[in-house]
PDB file of N, CA and C in Angstrom:
ATOM      1  N   UNK A   1      42.146  18.350  43.490  1.00  0.00           N
ATOM      2  CA  UNK A   1      41.984  19.541  43.352  1.00  0.00           C
ATOM      3  C   UNK A   1      40.760  19.802  42.234  1.00  0.00           C
ATOM      4  N   UNK A   2      41.078  19.093  41.221  1.00  0.00           N
ATOM      5  CA  UNK A   2      40.654  19.025  39.894  1.00  0.00           C
ATOM      6  C   UNK A   2      38.880  18.684  39.953  1.00  0.00           C
ATOM      7  N   UNK A   3      38.883  17.341  40.689  1.00  0.00           N
ATOM      8  CA  UNK A   3      37.557  16.884  41.120  1.00  0.00           C
ATOM      9  C   UNK A   3      36.863  17.706  41.887  1.00  0.00           C
ATOM     10  N   UNK A   4      37.348  18.522  42.816  1.00  0.00           N
ATOM     11  CA  UNK A   4      36.780  19.250  43.837  1.00  0.00           C
ATOM     12  C   UNK A   4      36.048  20.376  43.042  1.00  0.00           C
ATOM     13  N   UNK A   5      36.690  20.898  42.012  1.00  0.00           N
ATOM     14  CA  UNK A   5      36.521  22.001  41.232  1.00  0.00           C
ATOM     15  C   UNK A   5      35.271  21.428  40.406  1.00  0.00           C
ATOM     16  N   UNK A   6      35.424  20.104  39.675  1.00  0.00           N
ATOM     17  CA  UNK A   6      34.831  19.606  38.747  1.00  0.00           C
ATOM     18  C   UNK A   6      33.057  19.580  39.420  1.00  0.00           C
ATOM     19  N   UNK A   7      33.298  19.053  40.604  1.00  0.00           N
ATOM     20  CA  UNK A   7      32.328  18.657  41.346  1.00  0.00           C
ATOM     21  C   UNK A   7      31.672  20.046  41.904  1.00  0.00           C
ATOM     22  N   UNK A   8      32.117  20.893  42.074  1.00  0.00           N
ATOM     23  CA  UNK A   8      31.322  22.054  42.567  1.00  0.00           C
ATOM     24  C   UNK A   8      30.706  22.970  41.243  1.00  0.00           C
ATOM     25  N   UNK A   9      31.966  22.627  40.240  1.00  0.00           N
ATOM     26  CA  UNK A   9      30.726  23.256  39.167  1.00  0.00           C
ATOM     27  C   UNK A   9      29.493  22.285  38.762  1.00  0.00           C
ATOM     28  N   UNK A  10      29.497  21.509  38.870  1.00  0.00           N
ATOM     29  CA  UNK A  10      28.252  20.386  38.312  1.00  0.00           C
ATOM     30  C   UNK A  10      27.327  20.758  39.360  1.00  0.00           C
ATOM     31  N   UNK A  11      27.673  20.981  40.254  1.00  0.00           N
ATOM     32  CA  UNK A  11      26.386  21.167  41.647  1.00  0.00           C
ATOM     33  C   UNK A  11      25.967  22.602  41.105  1.00  0.00           C
ATOM     34  N   UNK A  12      26.582  23.646  40.712  1.00  0.00           N
ATOM     35  CA  UNK A  12      26.292  24.858  40.422  1.00  0.00           C
ATOM     36  C   UNK A  12      25.476  24.864  39.214  1.00  0.00           C
ATOM     37  N   UNK A  13      25.674  24.117  38.311  1.00  0.00           N
ATOM     38  CA  UNK A  13      24.892  23.748  37.071  1.00  0.00           C
ATOM     39  C   UNK A  13      23.856  22.999  37.352  1.00  0.00           C
ATOM     40  N   UNK A  14      23.568  22.252  37.902  1.00  0.00           N
ATOM     41  CA  UNK A  14      22.384  21.794  38.516  1.00  0.00           C
ATOM     42  C   UNK A  14      21.588  22.535  39.227  1.00  0.00           C
ATOM     43  N   UNK A  15      22.054  23.276  40.282  1.00  0.00           N
ATOM     44  CA  UNK A  15      21.243  24.258  40.878  1.00  0.00           C
ATOM     45  C   UNK A  15      20.586  25.717  39.765  1.00  0.00           C
ATOM     46  N   UNK A  16      21.316  25.918  38.977  1.00  0.00           N
ATOM     47  CA  UNK A  16      20.808  26.923  38.087  1.00  0.00           C
ATOM     48  C   UNK A  16      19.913  26.391  36.875  1.00  0.00           C
ATOM     49  N   UNK A  17      19.839  25.018  36.530  1.00  0.00           N
ATOM     50  CA  UNK A  17      18.950  24.719  36.002  1.00  0.00           C
ATOM     51  C   UNK A  17      17.715  24.155  36.634  1.00  0.00           C
ATOM     52  N   UNK A  18      17.887  23.747  37.664  1.00  0.00           N
ATOM     53  CA  UNK A  18      16.861  24.005  38.888  1.00  0.00           C
ATOM     54  C   UNK A  18      16.040  25.286  38.865  1.00  0.00           C
ATOM     55  N   UNK A  19      16.449  26.023  39.161  1.00  0.00           N
ATOM     56  CA  UNK A  19      16.102  27.588  39.269  1.00  0.00           C
ATOM     57  C   UNK A  19      15.436  27.690  37.977  1.00  0.00           C
ATOM     58  N   UNK A  20      15.950  27.638  36.844  1.00  0.00           N
ATOM     59  CA  UNK A  20      15.440  27.847  35.699  1.00  0.00           C
ATOM     60  C   UNK A  20      14.188  27.303  35.042  1.00  0.00           C
ATOM     61  N   UNK A  21      14.069  26.048  35.641  1.00  0.00           N
ATOM     62  CA  UNK A  21      12.970  25.378  35.406  1.00  0.00           C
ATOM     63  C   UNK A  21      11.837  25.489  36.384  1.00  0.00           C
ATOM     64  N   UNK A  22      12.041  26.183  37.296  1.00  0.00           N
ATOM     65  CA  UNK A  22      10.781  26.327  38.136  1.00  0.00           C
ATOM     66  C   UNK A  22       9.779  27.248  37.377  1.00  0.00           C
ATOM     67  N   UNK A  23       8.404  27.060  37.905  1.00  0.00           N
ATOM     68  CA  UNK A  23       7.668  27.933  37.200  1.00  0.00           C
ATOM     69  C   UNK A  23       7.797  29.387  37.999  1.00  0.00           C
ATOM     70  N   UNK A  24       7.278  30.461  37.200  1.00  0.00           N
ATOM     71  CA  UNK A  24       7.249  31.757  37.832  1.00  0.00           C
ATOM     72  C   UNK A  24       6.430  31.941  39.243  1.00  0.00           C
ATOM     73  N   UNK A  25       5.494  31.296  39.161  1.00  0.00           N
ATOM     74  CA  UNK A  25       4.701  31.194  40.419  1.00  0.00           C
ATOM     75  C   UNK A  25       5.182  30.667  41.351  1.00  0.00           C
ATOM     76  N   UNK A  26       6.226  30.033  41.709  1.00  0.00           N
ATOM     77  CA  UNK A  26       6.866  29.232  42.625  1.00  0.00           C
ATOM     78  C   UNK A  26       7.488  30.252  43.674  1.00  0.00           C
ATOM     79  N   UNK A  27       7.462  31.642  43.088  1.00  0.00           N
ATOM     80  CA  UNK A  27       8.033  32.741  44.086  1.00  0.00           C
ATOM     81  C   UNK A  27       6.652  33.582  44.507  1.00  0.00           C
ATOM     82  N   UNK A  28       5.816  33.162  44.181  1.00  0.00           N
ATOM     83  CA  UNK A  28       4.233  33.852  44.432  1.00  0.00           C
ATOM     84  C   UNK A  28       3.545  32.815  45.150  1.00  0.00           C
ATOM     85  N   UNK A  29       3.003  33.216  46.254  1.00  0.00           N
ATOM     86  CA  UNK A  29       1.826  32.722  46.704  1.00  0.00           C
ATOM     87  C   UNK A  29       0.551  32.784  46.450  1.00  0.00           C
ATOM     88  N   UNK A  30      -0.073  31.945  45.877  1.00  0.00           N
ATOM     89  CA  UNK A  30      -1.244  31.791  45.249  1.00  0.00           C
ATOM     90  C   UNK A  30      -2.295  31.549  46.503  1.00  0.00           C
ATOM     91  N   UNK A  31      -3.399  32.628  46.723  1.00  0.00           N
ATOM     92  CA  UNK A  31      -4.329  32.279  48.008  1.00  0.00           C
ATOM     93  C   UNK A  31      -5.503  31.014  47.776  1.00  0.00           C
ATOM     94  N   UNK A  32      -5.401  30.576  48.808  1.00  0.00           N
ATOM     95  CA  UNK A  32      -6.238  29.293  48.637  1.00  0.00           C
ATOM     96  C   UNK A  32      -7.656  29.728  48.499  1.00  0.00           C
ATOM     97  N   UNK A  33      -8.432  29.085  47.913  1.00  0.00           N
ATOM     98  CA  UNK A  33      -9.884  29.242  47.444  1.00  0.00           C
ATOM     99  C   UNK A  33     -10.833  29.588  48.755  1.00  0.00           C
ATOM    100  N   UNK A  34     -10.431  28.837  49.945  1.00  0.00           N
ATOM    101  CA  UNK A  34     -11.085  28.857  51.113  1.00  0.00           C
ATOM    102  C   UNK A  34     -10.841  29.975  51.960  1.00  0.00           C
ATOM    103  N   UNK A  35      -9.880  30.748  51.580  1.00  0.00           N
ATOM    104  CA  UNK A  35      -9.104  31.771  52.438  1.00  0.00           C
ATOM    105  C   UNK A  35      -9.673  33.158  52.330  1.00  0.00           C
ATOM    106  N   UNK A  36     -10.411  33.360  50.969  1.00  0.00           N
ATOM    107  CA  UNK A  36     -10.699  34.629  50.557  1.00  0.00           C
ATOM    108  C   UNK A  36     -12.385  34.974  50.032  1.00  0.00           C
ATOM    109  N   UNK A  37     -12.840  36.016  49.945  1.00  0.00           N
ATOM    110  CA  UNK A  37     -14.083  36.475  49.555  1.00  0.00           C
ATOM    111  C   UNK A  37     -13.705  37.623  48.512  1.00  0.00           C
ATOM    112  N   UNK A  38     -14.206  36.761  46.940  1.00  0.00           N
ATOM    113  CA  UNK A  38     -14.464  37.635  45.759  1.00  0.00           C
ATOM    114  C   UNK A  38     -15.674  38.221  45.908  1.00  0.00           C
ATOM    115  N   UNK A  39     -15.595  39.460  45.527  1.00  0.00           N
ATOM    116  CA  UNK A  39     -16.873  40.399  45.609  1.00  0.00           C
ATOM    117  C   UNK A  39     -16.981  41.171  44.504  1.00  0.00           C
ATOM    118  N   UNK A  40     -18.081  41.418  43.867  1.00  0.00           N
ATOM    119  CA  UNK A  40     -18.182  42.572  42.681  1.00  0.00           C
ATOM    120  C   UNK A  40     -18.810  43.926  43.231  1.00  0.00           C
ATOM    121  N   UNK A  41     -18.491  44.974  43.143  1.00  0.00           N
ATOM    122  CA  UNK A  41     -18.652  46.153  43.667  1.00  0.00           C
ATOM    123  C   UNK A  41     -18.947  47.138  42.571  1.00  0.00           C
ATOM    124  N   UNK A  42     -19.575  48.439  42.606  1.00  0.00           N
ATOM    125  CA  UNK A  42     -19.656  49.177  41.650  1.00  0.00           C
ATOM    126  C   UNK A  42     -18.464  49.494  41.137  1.00  0.00           C
ATOM    127  N   UNK A  43     -17.508  49.504  41.677  1.00  0.00           N
ATOM    128  CA  UNK A  43     -15.970  50.040  41.208  1.00  0.00           C
ATOM    129  C   UNK A  43     -15.168  48.792  41.083  1.00  0.00           C
ATOM    130  N   UNK A  44     -15.659  47.523  41.099  1.00  0.00           N
ATOM    131  CA  UNK A  44     -14.969  46.577  40.087  1.00  0.00           C
ATOM    132  C   UNK A  44     -14.959  45.535  41.280  1.00  0.00           C
ATOM    133  N   UNK A  45     -13.852  44.412  41.044  1.00  0.00           N
ATOM    134  CA  UNK A  45     -14.027  43.256  42.094  1.00  0.00           C
ATOM    135  C   UNK A  45     -12.909  43.655  43.254  1.00  0.00           C
ATOM    136  N   UNK A  46     -13.591  43.399  44.243  1.00  0.00           N
ATOM    137  CA  UNK A  46     -12.746  43.226  45.162  1.00  0.00           C
ATOM    138  C   UNK A  46     -12.324  42.010  46.159  1.00  0.00           C
ATOM    139  N   UNK A  47     -11.213  41.857  46.838  1.00  0.00           N
ATOM    140  CA  UNK A  47     -10.680  40.354  47.275  1.00  0.00           C
ATOM    141  C   UNK A  47     -10.556  40.837  48.846  1.00  0.00           C
ATOM    142  N   UNK A  48     -11.401  40.138  49.854  1.00  0.00           N
ATOM    143  CA  UNK A  48     -11.268  40.312  51.294  1.00  0.00           C
ATOM    144  C   UNK A  48     -10.624  38.908  51.886  1.00  0.00           C
ATOM    145  N   UNK A  49     -10.116  38.876  53.337  1.00  0.00           N
ATOM    146  CA  UNK A  49     -10.068  37.880  53.983  1.00  0.00           C
ATOM    147  C   UNK A  49     -11.178  37.344  54.638  1.00  0.00           C
ATOM    148  N   UNK A  50     -11.393  36.369  55.180  1.00  0.00           N
ATOM    149  CA  UNK A  50     -12.936  35.730  55.582  1.00  0.00           C
ATOM    150  C   UNK A  50     -13.484  36.966  56.696  1.00  0.00           C
ATOM    151  N   UNK A  51     -12.556  37.766  57.178  1.00  0.00           N
ATOM    152  CA  UNK A  51     -13.142  38.783  58.405  1.00  0.00           C
ATOM    153  C   UNK A  51     -13.052  40.159  57.750  1.00  0.00           C
ATOM    154  N   UNK A  52     -13.033  40.143  56.438  1.00  0.00           N
ATOM    155  CA  UNK A  52     -13.276  41.393  55.543  1.00  0.00           C
ATOM    156  C   UNK A  52     -12.161  42.378  55.244  1.00  0.00           C
ATOM    157  N   UNK A  53     -11.172  41.995  55.657  1.00  0.00           N
ATOM    158  CA  UNK A  53     -10.061  42.743  55.545  1.00  0.00           C
ATOM    159  C   UNK A  53      -9.158  42.689  53.894  1.00  0.00           C
ATOM    160  N   UNK A  54      -8.992  43.781  53.242  1.00  0.00           N
ATOM    161  CA  UNK A  54      -8.828  44.105  51.784  1.00  0.00           C
ATOM    162  C   UNK A  54      -7.186  43.136  51.714  1.00  0.00           C
ATOM    163  N   UNK A  55      -7.100  41.895  50.783  1.00  0.00           N
ATOM    164  CA  UNK A  55      -6.044  41.260  50.394  1.00  0.00           C
ATOM    165  C   UNK A  55      -5.086  41.593  49.378  1.00  0.00           C
ATOM    166  N   UNK A  56      -3.730  41.323  49.192  1.00  0.00           N
ATOM    167  CA  UNK A  56      -2.698  41.390  48.311  1.00  0.00           C
ATOM    168  C   UNK A  56      -2.472  40.253  47.998  1.00  0.00           C
ATOM    169  N   UNK A  57      -2.650  40.257  46.463  1.00  0.00           N
ATOM    170  CA  UNK A  57      -1.626  39.014  45.951  1.00  0.00           C
ATOM    171  C   UNK A  57      -2.474  38.290  45.015  1.00  0.00           C
ATOM    172  N   UNK A  58      -1.953  37.088  44.692  1.00  0.00           N
ATOM    173  CA  UNK A  58      -2.377  36.050  43.815  1.00  0.00           C
ATOM    174  C   UNK A  58      -3.825  35.513  44.090  1.00  0.00           C
ATOM    175  N   UNK A  59      -4.459  35.153  43.287  1.00  0.00           N
ATOM    176  CA  UNK A  59      -5.821  34.735  43.409  1.00  0.00           C
ATOM    177  C   UNK A  59      -6.045  33.820  42.152  1.00  0.00           C
ATOM    178  N   UNK A  60      -6.327  32.296  42.455  1.00  0.00           N
ATOM    179  CA  UNK A  60      -6.905  31.616  41.464  1.00  0.00           C
ATOM    180  C   UNK A  60      -8.323  31.157  41.390  1.00  0.00           C
ATOM    181  N   UNK A  61      -9.218  31.339  40.669  1.00  0.00           N
ATOM    182  CA  UNK A  61     -10.681  31.192  40.649  1.00  0.00           C
ATOM    183  C   UNK A  61     -10.589  29.651  40.272  1.00  0.00           C
ATOM    184  N   UNK A  62     -12.049  29.239  40.680  1.00  0.00           N
ATOM    185  CA  UNK A  62     -12.321  27.852  40.129  1.00  0.00           C
ATOM    186  C   UNK A  62     -11.967  27.341  38.583  1.00  0.00           C
ATOM    187  N   UNK A  63     -11.981  28.273  37.745  1.00  0.00           N
ATOM    188  CA  UNK A  63     -11.619  28.154  36.329  1.00  0.00           C
ATOM    189  C   UNK A  63     -10.153  28.346  35.871  1.00  0.00           C
ATOM    190  N   UNK A  64      -9.424  28.164  37.036  1.00  0.00           N
ATOM    191  CA  UNK A  64      -8.104  28.322  37.158  1.00  0.00           C
ATOM    192  C   UNK A  64      -7.693  29.462  36.272  1.00  0.00           C
ATOM    193  N   UNK A  65      -8.198  30.740  36.326  1.00  0.00           N
ATOM    194  CA  UNK A  65      -7.834  31.790  35.569  1.00  0.00           C
ATOM    195  C   UNK A  65      -7.184  32.746  37.129  1.00  0.00           C
ATOM    196  N   UNK A  66      -6.099  33.187  36.830  1.00  0.00           N
ATOM    197  CA  UNK A  66      -5.207  34.192  37.769  1.00  0.00           C
ATOM    198  C   UNK A  66      -5.483  35.324  37.999  1.00  0.00           C
ATOM    199  N   UNK A  67      -5.654  36.161  38.793  1.00  0.00           N
ATOM    200  CA  UNK A  67      -5.778  37.883  39.107  1.00  0.00           C
ATOM    201  C   UNK A  67      -4.804  38.110  40.483  1.00  0.00           C
ATOM    202  N   UNK A  68      -4.729  39.386  39.996  1.00  0.00           N
ATOM    203  CA  UNK A  68      -3.616  39.796  41.266  1.00  0.00           C
ATOM    204  C   UNK A  68      -4.264  41.173  41.926  1.00  0.00           C
ATOM    205  N   UNK A  69      -4.313  41.337  43.261  1.00  0.00           N
ATOM    206  CA  UNK A  69      -5.056  42.478  44.018  1.00  0.00           C
ATOM    207  C   UNK A  69      -4.271  43.035  44.726  1.00  0.00           C
ATOM    208  N   UNK A  70      -4.470  44.451  44.706  1.00  0.00           N
ATOM    209  CA  UNK A  70      -3.629  45.280  45.377  1.00  0.00           C
ATOM    210  C   UNK A  70      -4.202  46.164  46.157  1.00  0.00           C
ATOM    211  N   UNK A  71      -4.208  45.637  47.522  1.00  0.00           N
ATOM    212  CA  UNK A  71      -4.797  46.135  48.975  1.00  0.00           C
ATOM    213  C   UNK A  71      -6.478  46.050  48.454  1.00  0.00           C
ATOM    214  N   UNK A  72      -6.566  44.776  47.872  1.00  0.00           N
ATOM    215  CA  UNK A  72      -8.231  44.522  47.954  1.00  0.00           C
ATOM    216  C   UNK A  72      -8.687  44.734  46.475  1.00  0.00           C
ATOM    217  N   UNK A  73      -8.071  45.330  45.779  1.00  0.00           N
ATOM    218  CA  UNK A  73      -8.673  45.600  44.532  1.00  0.00           C
ATOM    219  C   UNK A  73      -7.890  45.063  43.246  1.00  0.00           C
ATOM    220  N   UNK A  74      -8.802  44.553  42.463  1.00  0.00           N
ATOM    221  CA  UNK A  74      -8.701  43.925  40.958  1.00  0.00           C
ATOM    222  C   UNK A  74      -7.410  44.626  40.450  1.00  0.00           C
ATOM    223  N   UNK A  75      -6.258  44.218  39.936  1.00  0.00           N
ATOM    224  CA  UNK A  75      -5.228  44.794  38.905  1.00  0.00           C
ATOM    225  C   UNK A  75      -5.933  44.634  37.659  1.00  0.00           C
ATOM    226  N   UNK A  76      -5.500  45.430  36.844  1.00  0.00           N
ATOM    227  CA  UNK A  76      -5.995  45.843  35.349  1.00  0.00           C
ATOM    228  C   UNK A  76      -5.113  46.264  34.551  1.00  0.00           C
ATOM    229  N   UNK A  77      -5.094  45.778  33.169  1.00  0.00           N
ATOM    230  CA  UNK A  77      -3.910  46.324  32.540  1.00  0.00           C
ATOM    231  C   UNK A  77      -2.418  46.056  33.046  1.00  0.00           C
ATOM    232  N   UNK A  78      -1.520  46.827  32.544  1.00  0.00           N
ATOM    233  CA  UNK A  78       0.025  46.337  32.813  1.00  0.00           C
ATOM    234  C   UNK A  78       0.258  46.718  34.266  1.00  0.00           C
ATOM    235  N   UNK A  79       0.874  45.776  34.735  1.00  0.00           N
ATOM    236  CA  UNK A  79       1.500  45.990  36.120  1.00  0.00           C
ATOM    237  C   UNK A  79       2.737  45.272  36.409  1.00  0.00           C
ATOM    238  N   UNK A  80       3.640  45.910  37.376  1.00  0.00           N
ATOM    239  CA  UNK A  80       5.106  45.508  37.412  1.00  0.00           C
ATOM    240  C   UNK A  80       5.001  44.827  39.006  1.00  0.00           C
ATOM    241  N   UNK A  81       5.210  43.681  39.106  1.00  0.00           N
ATOM    242  CA  UNK A  81       5.047  43.077  40.252  1.00  0.00           C
ATOM    243  C   UNK A  81       6.348  42.375  40.546  1.00  0.00           C
ATOM    244  N   UNK A  82       6.813  42.511  41.655  1.00  0.00           N
ATOM    245  CA  UNK A  82       7.816  41.554  42.284  1.00  0.00           C
ATOM    246  C   UNK A  82       9.297  41.869  41.064  1.00  0.00           C
ATOM    247  N   UNK A  83       9.270  42.886  40.291  1.00  0.00           N
ATOM    248  CA  UNK A  83      10.512  43.185  39.425  1.00  0.00           C
ATOM    249  C   UNK A  83       9.891  42.660  37.945  1.00  0.00           C
ATOM    250  N   UNK A  84       8.681  41.728  37.972  1.00  0.00           N
ATOM    251  CA  UNK A  84       8.412  41.245  36.298  1.00  0.00           C
ATOM    252  C   UNK A  84       7.059  42.044  36.252  1.00  0.00           C
ATOM    253  N   UNK A  85       7.011  42.438  34.868  1.00  0.00           N
ATOM    254  CA  UNK A  85       5.982  42.641  33.970  1.00  0.00           C
ATOM    255  C   UNK A  85       4.775  42.034  33.552  1.00  0.00           C
ATOM    256  N   UNK A  86       3.831  42.025  34.133  1.00  0.00           N
ATOM    257  CA  UNK A  86       2.600  41.390  33.952  1.00  0.00           C
ATOM    258  C   UNK A  86       1.462  42.144  33.117  1.00  0.00           C
ATOM    259  N   UNK A  87       0.553  41.501  32.036  1.00  0.00           N
ATOM    260  CA  UNK A  87      -0.621  42.124  31.539  1.00  0.00           C
ATOM    261  C   UNK A  87      -2.005  41.471  32.018  1.00  0.00           C
ATOM    262  N   UNK A  88      -2.734  42.166  32.896  1.00  0.00           N
ATOM    263  CA  UNK A  88      -4.080  41.741  33.287  1.00  0.00           C
ATOM    264  C   UNK A  88      -5.087  42.294  32.282  1.00  0.00           C
ATOM    265  N   UNK A  89      -6.299  41.503  31.574  1.00  0.00           N
ATOM    266  CA  UNK A  89      -7.386  42.088  30.701  1.00  0.00           C
ATOM    267  C   UNK A  89      -7.862  43.196  31.588  1.00  0.00           C
ATOM    268  N   UNK A  90      -8.113  44.475  31.010  1.00  0.00           N
ATOM    269  CA  UNK A  90      -8.791  45.379  31.671  1.00  0.00           C
ATOM    270  C   UNK A  90     -10.147  45.167  31.903  1.00  0.00           C
ATOM    271  N   UNK A  91     -10.701  44.109  31.224  1.00  0.00           N
ATOM    272  CA  UNK A  91     -12.329  44.195  31.916  1.00  0.00           C
ATOM    273  C   UNK A  91     -12.294  43.174  32.591  1.00  0.00           C
ATOM    274  N   UNK A  92     -11.941  42.112  32.633  1.00  0.00           N
ATOM    275  CA  UNK A  92     -11.919  41.017  33.340  1.00  0.00           C
ATOM    276  C   UNK A  92     -10.927  40.656  34.497  1.00  0.00           C
ATOM    277  N   UNK A  93      -9.826  41.436  34.251  1.00  0.00           N
ATOM    278  CA  UNK A  93      -8.683  41.374  35.460  1.00  0.00           C
ATOM    279  C   UNK A  93      -7.853  39.926  35.324  1.00  0.00           C
ATOM    280  N   UNK A  94      -8.413  39.245  34.199  1.00  0.00           N
ATOM    281  CA  UNK A  94      -7.511  37.972  34.081  1.00  0.00           C
ATOM    282  C   UNK A  94      -6.160  37.848  33.385  1.00  0.00           C
ATOM    283  N   UNK A  95      -5.039  37.473  34.264  1.00  0.00           N
ATOM    284  CA  UNK A  95      -3.834  37.325  33.580  1.00  0.00           C
ATOM    285  C   UNK A  95      -3.831  36.682  32.243  1.00  0.00           C
ATOM    286  N   UNK A  96      -3.155  37.414  31.639  1.00  0.00           N
ATOM    287  CA  UNK A  96      -2.828  36.948  30.064  1.00  0.00           C
ATOM    288  C   UNK A  96      -1.777  36.100  30.540  1.00  0.00           C
ATOM    289  N   UNK A  97      -1.656  34.995  29.391  1.00  0.00           N
ATOM    290  CA  UNK A  97      -0.758  34.128  29.707  1.00  0.00           C
ATOM    291  C   UNK A  97      -0.553  33.439  28.164  1.00  0.00           C
ATOM    292  N   UNK A  98       0.528  32.981  27.839  1.00  0.00           N
ATOM    293  CA  UNK A  98       0.867  32.430  26.603  1.00  0.00           C
ATOM    294  C   UNK A  98       0.717  33.076  25.220  1.00  0.00           C
ATOM    295  N   UNK A  99       0.577  34.270  25.230  1.00  0.00           N
ATOM    296  CA  UNK A  99       0.136  35.305  24.082  1.00  0.00           C
ATOM    297  C   UNK A  99       1.390  36.229  23.688  1.00  0.00           C
ATOM    298  N   UNK A 100       0.658  37.326  22.949  1.00  0.00           N
ATOM    299  CA  UNK A 100       1.396  38.554  22.622  1.00  0.00           C
ATOM    300  C   UNK A 100       0.203  39.854  22.767  1.00  0.00           C
ATOM    301  N   UNK A 101       0.735  40.809  23.047  1.00  0.00           N
ATOM    302  CA  UNK A 101      -0.009  41.833  23.224  1.00  0.00           C
ATOM    303  C   UNK A 101       0.892  43.086  22.404  1.00  0.00           C
ATOM    304  N   UNK A 102       0.120  43.688  21.315  1.00  0.00           N
ATOM    305  CA  UNK A 102       0.981  44.583  20.667  1.00  0.00           C
ATOM    306  C   UNK A 102       2.293  44.014  20.201  1.00  0.00           C
ATOM    307  N   UNK A 103       3.326  44.918  21.006  1.00  0.00           N
ATOM    308  CA  UNK A 103       4.904  44.172  20.547  1.00  0.00           C
ATOM    309  C   UNK A 103       5.605  43.397  21.749  1.00  0.00           C
ATOM    310  N   UNK A 104       4.609  42.531  22.572  1.00  0.00           N
ATOM    311  CA  UNK A 104       4.942  41.983  23.898  1.00  0.00           C
ATOM    312  C   UNK A 104       4.697  40.868  23.903  1.00  0.00           C
ATOM    313  N   UNK A 105       5.683  40.083  24.194  1.00  0.00           N
ATOM    314  CA  UNK A 105       5.251  38.435  24.247  1.00  0.00           C
ATOM    315  C   UNK A 105       5.168  37.967  25.738  1.00  0.00           C
ATOM    316  N   UNK A 106       4.092  37.266  26.099  1.00  0.00           N
ATOM    317  CA  UNK A 106       3.961  37.145  27.422  1.00  0.00           C
ATOM    318  C   UNK A 106       3.928  35.281  27.672  1.00  0.00           C
ATOM    319  N   UNK A 107       4.991  34.923  28.605  1.00  0.00           N
ATOM    320  CA  UNK A 107       4.776  33.361  28.625  1.00  0.00           C
ATOM    321  C   UNK A 107       3.731  32.633  29.388  1.00  0.00           C
ATOM    322  N   UNK A 108       3.639  31.571  29.720  1.00  0.00           N
ATOM    323  CA  UNK A 108       2.734  30.729  30.234  1.00  0.00           C
ATOM    324  C   UNK A 108       2.673  31.165  31.505  1.00  0.00           C
ATOM    325  N   UNK A 109       3.327  31.773  32.142  1.00  0.00           N
ATOM    326  CA  UNK A 109       3.455  32.239  33.568  1.00  0.00           C
ATOM    327  C   UNK A 109       2.936  33.895  34.029  1.00  0.00           C
ATOM    328  N   UNK A 110       2.314  34.582  32.540  1.00  0.00           N
ATOM    329  CA  UNK A 110       2.016  35.544  32.279  1.00  0.00           C
ATOM    330  C   UNK A 110       2.953  36.800  32.384  1.00  0.00           C
ATOM    331  N   UNK A 111       4.140  36.465  32.524  1.00  0.00           N
ATOM    332  CA  UNK A 111       5.166  37.582  32.537  1.00  0.00           C
ATOM    333  C   UNK A 111       5.734  37.971  31.203  1.00  0.00           C
ATOM    334  N   UNK A 112       5.988  39.351  30.933  1.00  0.00           N
ATOM    335  CA  UNK A 112       6.477  39.623  29.578  1.00  0.00           C
ATOM    336  C   UNK A 112       7.714  39.109  29.349  1.00  0.00           C
ATOM    337  N   UNK A 113       8.205  38.332  28.354  1.00  0.00           N
ATOM    338  CA  UNK A 113       9.517  37.792  28.023  1.00  0.00           C
ATOM    339  C   UNK A 113      10.249  38.396  27.077  1.00  0.00           C
ATOM    340  N   UNK A 114       9.615  39.232  26.072  1.00  0.00           N
ATOM    341  CA  UNK A 114      10.202  39.644  25.024  1.00  0.00           C
ATOM    342  C   UNK A 114       9.518  40.927  24.266  1.00  0.00           C
ATOM    343  N   UNK A 115      10.208  41.955  23.788  1.00  0.00           N
ATOM    344  CA  UNK A 115       9.386  42.754  23.396  1.00  0.00           C
ATOM    345  C   UNK A 115      10.163  43.132  22.130  1.00  0.00           C
ATOM    346  N   UNK A 116       9.294  43.148  21.145  1.00  0.00           N
ATOM    347  CA  UNK A 116       9.165  43.163  19.671  1.00  0.00           C
ATOM    348  C   UNK A 116       9.591  44.788  19.222  1.00  0.00           C
ATOM    349  N   UNK A 117      10.431  45.007  18.480  1.00  0.00           N
ATOM    350  CA  UNK A 117      10.959  46.338  18.252  1.00  0.00           C
ATOM    351  C   UNK A 117      10.214  46.423  16.433  1.00  0.00           C
ATOM    352  N   UNK A 118       9.636  46.912  16.120  1.00  0.00           N
ATOM    353  CA  UNK A 118       8.982  47.019  14.572  1.00  0.00           C
ATOM    354  C   UNK A 118       9.380  48.370  14.167  1.00  0.00           C
TER     355      UNK A 118
END
């Protein structure tokens, strides 16, 4: 009985360790660069599939910059995506990573991880 509980506890600890070490984007699909068209319009950047339909989701460019598109339109500023807060440069739309904005820390995956109260 004791060893069965110990085994269960160790398996649970291992599962939690693996979940915590997984990158945030493991839960996000990043669009394959061959599956979308990125185009600048008068209103900003637009992302569509190869048939011209607006896309929603994460896009990585050739310089490994990450962007998020909502119905084809580039996200800018603060946004909550799948329960997590992210900051996108208001001019370029590039996801901020491993930095601090105002009183917010942003981790290497772009998620807000700490709020400083000054």
